[in-house]
Amino acid sequence: PWNKMSLTEDGLAAMGTAQQWLGPEHD
């Protein structure tokens, strides 16, 4: 269970950060 939580949280955090990296060129 603790691995499920940790890996999922890491993945969600990375996906959230990806939104901040978007710029007009990605359109």
mmCIF file of all heavy atoms, coordinates in Angstrom:
data_MODEL
# 
_entry.id   MODEL 
# 
loop_
_atom_site.group_PDB 
_atom_site.id 
_atom_site.type_symbol 
_atom_site.label_atom_id 
_atom_site.label_alt_id 
_atom_site.label_comp_id 
_atom_site.label_asym_id 
_atom_site.label_entity_id 
_atom_site.label_seq_id 
_atom_site.pdbx_PDB_ins_code 
_atom_site.Cartn_x 
_atom_site.Cartn_y 
_atom_site.Cartn_z 
_atom_site.occupancy 
_atom_site.B_iso_or_equiv 
_atom_site.pdbx_formal_charge 
_atom_site.auth_seq_id 
_atom_site.auth_comp_id 
_atom_site.auth_asym_id 
_atom_site.auth_atom_id 
_atom_site.pdbx_PDB_model_num 
ATOM 1   N N   . PRO A 1 1  ? 0.813  -1.232 0.000   1.00 0.00 ? 1  PRO A N   1 
ATOM 2   C CA  . PRO A 1 1  ? 0.000  0.000  0.000   1.00 0.00 ? 1  PRO A CA  1 
ATOM 3   C C   . PRO A 1 1  ? 0.834  1.264  0.000   1.00 0.00 ? 1  PRO A C   1 
ATOM 4   O O   . PRO A 1 1  ? 0.500  2.247  -0.674  1.00 0.00 ? 1  PRO A O   1 
ATOM 5   C CB  . PRO A 1 1  ? -0.821 -0.124 1.288   1.00 0.00 ? 1  PRO A CB  1 
ATOM 6   C CG  . PRO A 1 1  ? -0.901 -1.599 1.551   1.00 0.00 ? 1  PRO A CG  1 
ATOM 7   C CD  . PRO A 1 1  ? 0.415  -2.148 1.077   1.00 0.00 ? 1  PRO A CD  1 
ATOM 8   N N   . TRP A 1 2  ? 1.957  1.274  0.774   1.00 0.00 ? 2  TRP A N   1 
ATOM 9   C CA  . TRP A 1 2  ? 2.771  2.493  0.834   1.00 0.00 ? 2  TRP A CA  1 
ATOM 10  C C   . TRP A 1 2  ? 3.478  2.747  -0.493  1.00 0.00 ? 2  TRP A C   1 
ATOM 11  O O   . TRP A 1 2  ? 3.678  3.897  -0.880  1.00 0.00 ? 2  TRP A O   1 
ATOM 12  C CB  . TRP A 1 2  ? 3.768  2.416  1.982   1.00 0.00 ? 2  TRP A CB  1 
ATOM 13  C CG  . TRP A 1 2  ? 4.563  1.139  2.046   1.00 0.00 ? 2  TRP A CG  1 
ATOM 14  C CD1 . TRP A 1 2  ? 5.742  0.873  1.426   1.00 0.00 ? 2  TRP A CD1 1 
ATOM 15  C CD2 . TRP A 1 2  ? 4.217  -0.034 2.788   1.00 0.00 ? 2  TRP A CD2 1 
ATOM 16  N NE1 . TRP A 1 2  ? 6.167  -0.395 1.732   1.00 0.00 ? 2  TRP A NE1 1 
ATOM 17  C CE2 . TRP A 1 2  ? 5.253  -0.977 2.576   1.00 0.00 ? 2  TRP A CE2 1 
ATOM 18  C CE3 . TRP A 1 2  ? 3.143  -0.377 3.631   1.00 0.00 ? 2  TRP A CE3 1 
ATOM 19  C CZ2 . TRP A 1 2  ? 5.245  -2.256 3.161   1.00 0.00 ? 2  TRP A CZ2 1 
ATOM 20  C CZ3 . TRP A 1 2  ? 3.139  -1.642 4.208   1.00 0.00 ? 2  TRP A CZ3 1 
ATOM 21  C CH2 . TRP A 1 2  ? 4.171  -2.557 3.961   1.00 0.00 ? 2  TRP A CH2 1 
ATOM 22  N N   . ASN A 1 3  ? 3.815  1.664  -1.215  1.00 0.00 ? 3  ASN A N   1 
ATOM 23  C CA  . ASN A 1 3  ? 4.397  1.849  -2.550  1.00 0.00 ? 3  ASN A CA  1 
ATOM 24  C C   . ASN A 1 3  ? 3.354  2.367  -3.530  1.00 0.00 ? 3  ASN A C   1 
ATOM 25  O O   . ASN A 1 3  ? 3.654  3.208  -4.389  1.00 0.00 ? 3  ASN A O   1 
ATOM 26  C CB  . ASN A 1 3  ? 4.984  0.537  -3.062  1.00 0.00 ? 3  ASN A CB  1 
ATOM 27  C CG  . ASN A 1 3  ? 6.270  0.160  -2.355  1.00 0.00 ? 3  ASN A CG  1 
ATOM 28  O OD1 . ASN A 1 3  ? 6.949  1.025  -1.806  1.00 0.00 ? 3  ASN A OD1 1 
ATOM 29  N ND2 . ASN A 1 3  ? 6.607  -1.109 -2.348  1.00 0.00 ? 3  ASN A ND2 1 
ATOM 30  N N   . LYS A 1 4  ? 2.130  1.861  -3.420  1.00 0.00 ? 4  LYS A N   1 
ATOM 31  C CA  . LYS A 1 4  ? 1.057  2.362  -4.273  1.00 0.00 ? 4  LYS A CA  1 
ATOM 32  C C   . LYS A 1 4  ? 0.876  3.867  -4.090  1.00 0.00 ? 4  LYS A C   1 
ATOM 33  O O   . LYS A 1 4  ? 0.773  4.625  -5.062  1.00 0.00 ? 4  LYS A O   1 
ATOM 34  C CB  . LYS A 1 4  ? -0.262 1.640  -3.941  1.00 0.00 ? 4  LYS A CB  1 
ATOM 35  C CG  . LYS A 1 4  ? -0.379 0.229  -4.483  1.00 0.00 ? 4  LYS A CG  1 
ATOM 36  C CD  . LYS A 1 4  ? -1.742 -0.347 -4.165  1.00 0.00 ? 4  LYS A CD  1 
ATOM 37  C CE  . LYS A 1 4  ? -1.948 -1.705 -4.789  1.00 0.00 ? 4  LYS A CE  1 
ATOM 38  N NZ  . LYS A 1 4  ? -2.063 -1.635 -6.262  1.00 0.00 ? 4  LYS A NZ  1 
ATOM 39  N N   . MET A 1 5  ? 0.843  4.296  -2.835  1.00 0.00 ? 5  MET A N   1 
ATOM 40  C CA  . MET A 1 5  ? 0.645  5.708  -2.540  1.00 0.00 ? 5  MET A CA  1 
ATOM 41  C C   . MET A 1 5  ? 1.806  6.541  -3.054  1.00 0.00 ? 5  MET A C   1 
ATOM 42  O O   . MET A 1 5  ? 1.623  7.565  -3.716  1.00 0.00 ? 5  MET A O   1 
ATOM 43  C CB  . MET A 1 5  ? 0.485  5.898  -1.033  1.00 0.00 ? 5  MET A CB  1 
ATOM 44  C CG  . MET A 1 5  ? -0.843 5.459  -0.477  1.00 0.00 ? 5  MET A CG  1 
ATOM 45  S SD  . MET A 1 5  ? -2.186 6.586  -0.971  1.00 0.00 ? 5  MET A SD  1 
ATOM 46  C CE  . MET A 1 5  ? -1.671 8.075  -0.123  1.00 0.00 ? 5  MET A CE  1 
ATOM 47  N N   . SER A 1 6  ? 3.032  6.110  -2.728  1.00 0.00 ? 6  SER A N   1 
ATOM 48  C CA  . SER A 1 6  ? 4.219  6.893  -3.073  1.00 0.00 ? 6  SER A CA  1 
ATOM 49  C C   . SER A 1 6  ? 4.377  7.037  -4.581  1.00 0.00 ? 6  SER A C   1 
ATOM 50  O O   . SER A 1 6  ? 4.608  8.148  -5.085  1.00 0.00 ? 6  SER A O   1 
ATOM 51  C CB  . SER A 1 6  ? 5.461  6.233  -2.471  1.00 0.00 ? 6  SER A CB  1 
ATOM 52  O OG  . SER A 1 6  ? 6.626  6.924  -2.862  1.00 0.00 ? 6  SER A OG  1 
ATOM 53  N N   . LEU A 1 7  ? 4.257  5.944  -5.302  1.00 0.00 ? 7  LEU A N   1 
ATOM 54  C CA  . LEU A 1 7  ? 4.428  5.991  -6.757  1.00 0.00 ? 7  LEU A CA  1 
ATOM 55  C C   . LEU A 1 7  ? 3.328  6.812  -7.415  1.00 0.00 ? 7  LEU A C   1 
ATOM 56  O O   . LEU A 1 7  ? 3.588  7.597  -8.336  1.00 0.00 ? 7  LEU A O   1 
ATOM 57  C CB  . LEU A 1 7  ? 4.438  4.571  -7.321  1.00 0.00 ? 7  LEU A CB  1 
ATOM 58  C CG  . LEU A 1 7  ? 5.680  3.742  -6.990  1.00 0.00 ? 7  LEU A CG  1 
ATOM 59  C CD1 . LEU A 1 7  ? 5.442  2.267  -7.305  1.00 0.00 ? 7  LEU A CD1 1 
ATOM 60  C CD2 . LEU A 1 7  ? 6.887  4.252  -7.774  1.00 0.00 ? 7  LEU A CD2 1 
ATOM 61  N N   . THR A 1 8  ? 2.109  6.639  -6.932  1.00 0.00 ? 8  THR A N   1 
ATOM 62  C CA  . THR A 1 8  ? 1.002  7.395  -7.511  1.00 0.00 ? 8  THR A CA  1 
ATOM 63  C C   . THR A 1 8  ? 1.160  8.882  -7.238  1.00 0.00 ? 8  THR A C   1 
ATOM 64  O O   . THR A 1 8  ? 0.957  9.718  -8.133  1.00 0.00 ? 8  THR A O   1 
ATOM 65  C CB  . THR A 1 8  ? -0.344 6.891  -6.966  1.00 0.00 ? 8  THR A CB  1 
ATOM 66  O OG1 . THR A 1 8  ? -0.480 5.489  -7.253  1.00 0.00 ? 8  THR A OG1 1 
ATOM 67  C CG2 . THR A 1 8  ? -1.504 7.641  -7.606  1.00 0.00 ? 8  THR A CG2 1 
ATOM 68  N N   . GLU A 1 9  ? 1.529  9.240  -6.024  1.00 0.00 ? 9  GLU A N   1 
ATOM 69  C CA  . GLU A 1 9  ? 1.723  10.652 -5.689  1.00 0.00 ? 9  GLU A CA  1 
ATOM 70  C C   . GLU A 1 9  ? 2.844  11.265 -6.519  1.00 0.00 ? 9  GLU A C   1 
ATOM 71  O O   . GLU A 1 9  ? 2.731  12.408 -6.987  1.00 0.00 ? 9  GLU A O   1 
ATOM 72  C CB  . GLU A 1 9  ? 2.014  10.799 -4.192  1.00 0.00 ? 9  GLU A CB  1 
ATOM 73  C CG  . GLU A 1 9  ? 0.791  10.574 -3.310  1.00 0.00 ? 9  GLU A CG  1 
ATOM 74  C CD  . GLU A 1 9  ? 1.124  10.627 -1.829  1.00 0.00 ? 9  GLU A CD  1 
ATOM 75  O OE1 . GLU A 1 9  ? 2.329  10.522 -1.497  1.00 0.00 ? 9  GLU A OE1 1 
ATOM 76  O OE2 . GLU A 1 9  ? 0.192  10.756 -1.014  1.00 0.00 ? 9  GLU A OE2 1 
ATOM 77  N N   . ASP A 1 10 ? 3.943  10.519 -6.706  1.00 0.00 ? 10 ASP A N   1 
ATOM 78  C CA  . ASP A 1 10 ? 5.035  11.020 -7.541  1.00 0.00 ? 10 ASP A CA  1 
ATOM 79  C C   . ASP A 1 10 ? 4.546  11.282 -8.964  1.00 0.00 ? 10 ASP A C   1 
ATOM 80  O O   . ASP A 1 10 ? 4.873  12.300 -9.573  1.00 0.00 ? 10 ASP A O   1 
ATOM 81  C CB  . ASP A 1 10 ? 6.188  10.018 -7.573  1.00 0.00 ? 10 ASP A CB  1 
ATOM 82  C CG  . ASP A 1 10 ? 6.991  9.999  -6.281  1.00 0.00 ? 10 ASP A CG  1 
ATOM 83  O OD1 . ASP A 1 10 ? 6.766  10.875 -5.422  1.00 0.00 ? 10 ASP A OD1 1 
ATOM 84  O OD2 . ASP A 1 10 ? 7.845  9.106  -6.133  1.00 0.00 ? 10 ASP A OD2 1 
ATOM 85  N N   . GLY A 1 11 ? 3.774  10.330 -9.483  1.00 0.00 ? 11 GLY A N   1 
ATOM 86  C CA  . GLY A 1 11 ? 3.269  10.477 -10.847 1.00 0.00 ? 11 GLY A CA  1 
ATOM 87  C C   . GLY A 1 11 ? 2.323  11.649 -10.998 1.00 0.00 ? 11 GLY A C   1 
ATOM 88  O O   . GLY A 1 11 ? 2.412  12.424 -11.955 1.00 0.00 ? 11 GLY A O   1 
ATOM 89  N N   . LEU A 1 12 ? 1.425  11.814 -10.034 1.00 0.00 ? 12 LEU A N   1 
ATOM 90  C CA  . LEU A 1 12 ? 0.485  12.930 -10.088 1.00 0.00 ? 12 LEU A CA  1 
ATOM 91  C C   . LEU A 1 12 ? 1.205  14.266 -9.983  1.00 0.00 ? 12 LEU A C   1 
ATOM 92  O O   . LEU A 1 12 ? 0.850  15.232 -10.673 1.00 0.00 ? 12 LEU A O   1 
ATOM 93  C CB  . LEU A 1 12 ? -0.555 12.797 -8.968  1.00 0.00 ? 12 LEU A CB  1 
ATOM 94  C CG  . LEU A 1 12 ? -1.479 11.575 -9.041  1.00 0.00 ? 12 LEU A CG  1 
ATOM 95  C CD1 . LEU A 1 12 ? -2.358 11.508 -7.796  1.00 0.00 ? 12 LEU A CD1 1 
ATOM 96  C CD2 . LEU A 1 12 ? -2.333 11.600 -10.297 1.00 0.00 ? 12 LEU A CD2 1 
ATOM 97  N N   . ALA A 1 13 ? 2.224  14.321 -9.128  1.00 0.00 ? 13 ALA A N   1 
ATOM 98  C CA  . ALA A 1 13 ? 2.993  15.558 -8.982  1.00 0.00 ? 13 ALA A CA  1 
ATOM 99  C C   . ALA A 1 13 ? 3.702  15.908 -10.286 1.00 0.00 ? 13 ALA A C   1 
ATOM 100 O O   . ALA A 1 13 ? 3.731  17.079 -10.698 1.00 0.00 ? 13 ALA A O   1 
ATOM 101 C CB  . ALA A 1 13 ? 4.010  15.418 -7.855  1.00 0.00 ? 13 ALA A CB  1 
ATOM 102 N N   . ALA A 1 14 ? 4.277  14.914 -10.940 1.00 0.00 ? 14 ALA A N   1 
ATOM 103 C CA  . ALA A 1 14 ? 4.955  15.157 -12.216 1.00 0.00 ? 14 ALA A CA  1 
ATOM 104 C C   . ALA A 1 14 ? 3.968  15.654 -13.266 1.00 0.00 ? 14 ALA A C   1 
ATOM 105 O O   . ALA A 1 14 ? 4.254  16.594 -14.024 1.00 0.00 ? 14 ALA A O   1 
ATOM 106 C CB  . ALA A 1 14 ? 5.645  13.888 -12.697 1.00 0.00 ? 14 ALA A CB  1 
ATOM 107 N N   . MET A 1 15 ? 2.785  15.064 -13.311 1.00 0.00 ? 15 MET A N   1 
ATOM 108 C CA  . MET A 1 15 ? 1.773  15.475 -14.288 1.00 0.00 ? 15 MET A CA  1 
ATOM 109 C C   . MET A 1 15 ? 1.290  16.894 -14.003 1.00 0.00 ? 15 MET A C   1 
ATOM 110 O O   . MET A 1 15 ? 1.011  17.662 -14.931 1.00 0.00 ? 15 MET A O   1 
ATOM 111 C CB  . MET A 1 15 ? 0.601  14.492 -14.276 1.00 0.00 ? 15 MET A CB  1 
ATOM 112 C CG  . MET A 1 15 ? 1.004  13.078 -14.670 1.00 0.00 ? 15 MET A CG  1 
ATOM 113 S SD  . MET A 1 15 ? -0.373 11.911 -14.635 1.00 0.00 ? 15 MET A SD  1 
ATOM 114 C CE  . MET A 1 15 ? -1.036 12.179 -16.273 1.00 0.00 ? 15 MET A CE  1 
ATOM 115 N N   . GLY A 1 16 ? 1.215  17.249 -12.722 1.00 0.00 ? 16 GLY A N   1 
ATOM 116 C CA  . GLY A 1 16 ? 0.843  18.616 -12.378 1.00 0.00 ? 16 GLY A CA  1 
ATOM 117 C C   . GLY A 1 16 ? 1.908  19.609 -12.796 1.00 0.00 ? 16 GLY A C   1 
ATOM 118 O O   . GLY A 1 16 ? 1.599  20.693 -13.319 1.00 0.00 ? 16 GLY A O   1 
ATOM 119 N N   . THR A 1 17 ? 3.162  19.245 -12.594 1.00 0.00 ? 17 THR A N   1 
ATOM 120 C CA  . THR A 1 17 ? 4.254  20.126 -12.999 1.00 0.00 ? 17 THR A CA  1 
ATOM 121 C C   . THR A 1 17 ? 4.281  20.312 -14.508 1.00 0.00 ? 17 THR A C   1 
ATOM 122 O O   . THR A 1 17 ? 4.608  21.399 -15.006 1.00 0.00 ? 17 THR A O   1 
ATOM 123 C CB  . THR A 1 17 ? 5.601  19.554 -12.513 1.00 0.00 ? 17 THR A CB  1 
ATOM 124 O OG1 . THR A 1 17 ? 5.583  19.478 -11.078 1.00 0.00 ? 17 THR A OG1 1 
ATOM 125 C CG2 . THR A 1 17 ? 6.762  20.435 -12.943 1.00 0.00 ? 17 THR A CG2 1 
ATOM 126 N N   . ALA A 1 18 ? 3.937  19.269 -15.240 1.00 0.00 ? 18 ALA A N   1 
ATOM 127 C CA  . ALA A 1 18 ? 3.926  19.362 -16.706 1.00 0.00 ? 18 ALA A CA  1 
ATOM 128 C C   . ALA A 1 18 ? 3.011  20.473 -17.194 1.00 0.00 ? 18 ALA A C   1 
ATOM 129 O O   . ALA A 1 18 ? 3.288  21.113 -18.217 1.00 0.00 ? 18 ALA A O   1 
ATOM 130 C CB  . ALA A 1 18 ? 3.507  18.027 -17.316 1.00 0.00 ? 18 ALA A CB  1 
ATOM 131 N N   . GLN A 1 19 ? 1.927  20.751 -16.472 1.00 0.00 ? 19 GLN A N   1 
ATOM 132 C CA  . GLN A 1 19 ? 1.017  21.831 -16.875 1.00 0.00 ? 19 GLN A CA  1 
ATOM 133 C C   . GLN A 1 19 ? 1.728  23.182 -16.809 1.00 0.00 ? 19 GLN A C   1 
ATOM 134 O O   . GLN A 1 19 ? 1.472  24.077 -17.620 1.00 0.00 ? 19 GLN A O   1 
ATOM 135 C CB  . GLN A 1 19 ? -0.224 21.851 -15.968 1.00 0.00 ? 19 GLN A CB  1 
ATOM 136 C CG  . GLN A 1 19 ? -0.913 20.512 -15.768 1.00 0.00 ? 19 GLN A CG  1 
ATOM 137 C CD  . GLN A 1 19 ? -1.248 19.813 -17.064 1.00 0.00 ? 19 GLN A CD  1 
ATOM 138 O OE1 . GLN A 1 19 ? -1.802 20.423 -17.988 1.00 0.00 ? 19 GLN A OE1 1 
ATOM 139 N NE2 . GLN A 1 19 ? -0.909 18.532 -17.148 1.00 0.00 ? 19 GLN A NE2 1 
ATOM 140 N N   . GLN A 1 20 ? 2.619  23.325 -15.835 1.00 0.00 ? 20 GLN A N   1 
ATOM 141 C CA  . GLN A 1 20 ? 3.342  24.594 -15.660 1.00 0.00 ? 20 GLN A CA  1 
ATOM 142 C C   . GLN A 1 20 ? 4.390  24.802 -16.743 1.00 0.00 ? 20 GLN A C   1 
ATOM 143 O O   . GLN A 1 20 ? 4.834  25.926 -16.968 1.00 0.00 ? 20 GLN A O   1 
ATOM 144 C CB  . GLN A 1 20 ? 4.006  24.614 -14.290 1.00 0.00 ? 20 GLN A CB  1 
ATOM 145 C CG  . GLN A 1 20 ? 3.029  24.450 -13.125 1.00 0.00 ? 20 GLN A CG  1 
ATOM 146 C CD  . GLN A 1 20 ? 3.740  24.248 -11.799 1.00 0.00 ? 20 GLN A CD  1 
ATOM 147 O OE1 . GLN A 1 20 ? 4.884  24.641 -11.634 1.00 0.00 ? 20 GLN A OE1 1 
ATOM 148 N NE2 . GLN A 1 20 ? 3.063  23.610 -10.861 1.00 0.00 ? 20 GLN A NE2 1 
ATOM 149 N N   . TRP A 1 21 ? 4.786  23.738 -17.404 1.00 0.00 ? 21 TRP A N   1 
ATOM 150 C CA  . TRP A 1 21 ? 5.806  23.840 -18.447 1.00 0.00 ? 21 TRP A CA  1 
ATOM 151 C C   . TRP A 1 21 ? 5.222  24.154 -19.822 1.00 0.00 ? 21 TRP A C   1 
ATOM 152 O O   . TRP A 1 21 ? 5.972  24.357 -20.774 1.00 0.00 ? 21 TRP A O   1 
ATOM 153 C CB  . TRP A 1 21 ? 6.591  22.534 -18.532 1.00 0.00 ? 21 TRP A CB  1 
ATOM 154 C CG  . TRP A 1 21 ? 7.466  22.269 -17.348 1.00 0.00 ? 21 TRP A CG  1 
ATOM 155 C CD1 . TRP A 1 21 ? 7.646  23.076 -16.258 1.00 0.00 ? 21 TRP A CD1 1 
ATOM 156 C CD2 . TRP A 1 21 ? 8.282  21.121 -17.139 1.00 0.00 ? 21 TRP A CD2 1 
ATOM 157 N NE1 . TRP A 1 21 ? 8.524  22.497 -15.382 1.00 0.00 ? 21 TRP A NE1 1 
ATOM 158 C CE2 . TRP A 1 21 ? 8.933  21.297 -15.886 1.00 0.00 ? 21 TRP A CE2 1 
ATOM 159 C CE3 . TRP A 1 21 ? 8.520  19.965 -17.870 1.00 0.00 ? 21 TRP A CE3 1 
ATOM 160 C CZ2 . TRP A 1 21 ? 9.814  20.347 -15.369 1.00 0.00 ? 21 TRP A CZ2 1 
ATOM 161 C CZ3 . TRP A 1 21 ? 9.399  19.024 -17.355 1.00 0.00 ? 21 TRP A CZ3 1 
ATOM 162 C CH2 . TRP A 1 21 ? 10.039 19.217 -16.122 1.00 0.00 ? 21 TRP A CH2 1 
ATOM 163 N N   . LEU A 1 22 ? 3.912  24.166 -19.936 1.00 0.00 ? 22 LEU A N   1 
ATOM 164 C CA  . LEU A 1 22 ? 3.294  24.432 -21.238 1.00 0.00 ? 22 LEU A CA  1 
ATOM 165 C C   . LEU A 1 22 ? 3.480  25.893 -21.638 1.00 0.00 ? 22 LEU A C   1 
ATOM 166 O O   . LEU A 1 22 ? 3.351  26.800 -20.822 1.00 0.00 ? 22 LEU A O   1 
ATOM 167 C CB  . LEU A 1 22 ? 1.802  24.111 -21.194 1.00 0.00 ? 22 LEU A CB  1 
ATOM 168 C CG  . LEU A 1 22 ? 1.430  22.625 -21.145 1.00 0.00 ? 22 LEU A CG  1 
ATOM 169 C CD1 . LEU A 1 22 ? -0.064 22.463 -20.919 1.00 0.00 ? 22 LEU A CD1 1 
ATOM 170 C CD2 . LEU A 1 22 ? 1.868  21.915 -22.429 1.00 0.00 ? 22 LEU A CD2 1 
ATOM 171 N N   . GLY A 1 23 ? 3.774  26.104 -22.909 1.00 0.00 ? 23 GLY A N   1 
ATOM 172 C CA  . GLY A 1 23 ? 3.887  27.440 -23.469 1.00 0.00 ? 23 GLY A CA  1 
ATOM 173 C C   . GLY A 1 23 ? 3.155  27.512 -24.791 1.00 0.00 ? 23 GLY A C   1 
ATOM 174 O O   . GLY A 1 23 ? 2.639  26.494 -25.288 1.00 0.00 ? 23 GLY A O   1 
ATOM 175 N N   . PRO A 1 24 ? 3.064  28.680 -25.393 1.00 0.00 ? 24 PRO A N   1 
ATOM 176 C CA  . PRO A 1 24 ? 2.340  28.844 -26.664 1.00 0.00 ? 24 PRO A CA  1 
ATOM 177 C C   . PRO A 1 24 ? 2.849  27.919 -27.764 1.00 0.00 ? 24 PRO A C   1 
ATOM 178 O O   . PRO A 1 24 ? 2.065  27.499 -28.636 1.00 0.00 ? 24 PRO A O   1 
ATOM 179 C CB  . PRO A 1 24 ? 2.586  30.317 -27.015 1.00 0.00 ? 24 PRO A CB  1 
ATOM 180 C CG  . PRO A 1 24 ? 2.887  30.985 -25.712 1.00 0.00 ? 24 PRO A CG  1 
ATOM 181 C CD  . PRO A 1 24 ? 3.607  29.962 -24.888 1.00 0.00 ? 24 PRO A CD  1 
ATOM 182 N N   . GLU A 1 25 ? 4.139  27.594 -27.724 1.00 0.00 ? 25 GLU A N   1 
ATOM 183 C CA  . GLU A 1 25 ? 4.694  26.740 -28.773 1.00 0.00 ? 25 GLU A CA  1 
ATOM 184 C C   . GLU A 1 25 ? 4.095  25.340 -28.758 1.00 0.00 ? 25 GLU A C   1 
ATOM 185 O O   . GLU A 1 25 ? 4.067  24.648 -29.790 1.00 0.00 ? 25 GLU A O   1 
ATOM 186 C CB  . GLU A 1 25 ? 6.222  26.652 -28.645 1.00 0.00 ? 25 GLU A CB  1 
ATOM 187 C CG  . GLU A 1 25 ? 6.732  25.923 -27.420 1.00 0.00 ? 25 GLU A CG  1 
ATOM 188 C CD  . GLU A 1 25 ? 6.837  26.801 -26.181 1.00 0.00 ? 25 GLU A CD  1 
ATOM 189 O OE1 . GLU A 1 25 ? 6.245  27.912 -26.188 1.00 0.00 ? 25 GLU A OE1 1 
ATOM 190 O OE2 . GLU A 1 25 ? 7.487  26.373 -25.210 1.00 0.00 ? 25 GLU A OE2 1 
ATOM 191 N N   . HIS A 1 26 ? 3.571  24.923 -27.611 1.00 0.00 ? 26 HIS A N   1 
ATOM 192 C CA  . HIS A 1 26 ? 3.008  23.578 -27.514 1.00 0.00 ? 26 HIS A CA  1 
ATOM 193 C C   . HIS A 1 26 ? 1.623  23.481 -28.126 1.00 0.00 ? 26 HIS A C   1 
ATOM 194 O O   . HIS A 1 26 ? 1.095  22.384 -28.294 1.00 0.00 ? 26 HIS A O   1 
ATOM 195 C CB  . HIS A 1 26 ? 2.998  23.131 -26.055 1.00 0.00 ? 26 HIS A CB  1 
ATOM 196 C CG  . HIS A 1 26 ? 4.370  23.091 -25.454 1.00 0.00 ? 26 HIS A CG  1 
ATOM 197 N ND1 . HIS A 1 26 ? 4.757  23.921 -24.419 1.00 0.00 ? 26 HIS A ND1 1 
ATOM 198 C CD2 . HIS A 1 26 ? 5.471  22.374 -25.795 1.00 0.00 ? 26 HIS A CD2 1 
ATOM 199 C CE1 . HIS A 1 26 ? 6.019  23.694 -24.126 1.00 0.00 ? 26 HIS A CE1 1 
ATOM 200 N NE2 . HIS A 1 26 ? 6.480  22.767 -24.946 1.00 0.00 ? 26 HIS A NE2 1 
ATOM 201 N N   . ASP A 1 27 ? 1.021  24.633 -28.447 1.00 0.00 ? 27 ASP A N   1 
ATOM 202 C CA  . ASP A 1 27 ? -0.222 24.618 -29.229 1.00 0.00 ? 27 ASP A CA  1 
ATOM 203 C C   . ASP A 1 27 ? 0.058  24.239 -30.684 1.00 0.00 ? 27 ASP A C   1 
ATOM 204 O O   . ASP A 1 27 ? -0.842 23.763 -31.390 1.00 0.00 ? 27 ASP A O   1 
ATOM 205 C CB  . ASP A 1 27 ? -0.900 25.992 -29.202 1.00 0.00 ? 27 ASP A CB  1 
ATOM 206 C CG  . ASP A 1 27 ? -1.447 26.351 -27.832 1.00 0.00 ? 27 ASP A CG  1 
ATOM 207 O OD1 . ASP A 1 27 ? -1.586 25.451 -26.981 1.00 0.00 ? 27 ASP A OD1 1 
ATOM 208 O OD2 . ASP A 1 27 ? -1.733 27.543 -27.619 1.00 0.00 ? 27 ASP A OD2 1 
# 
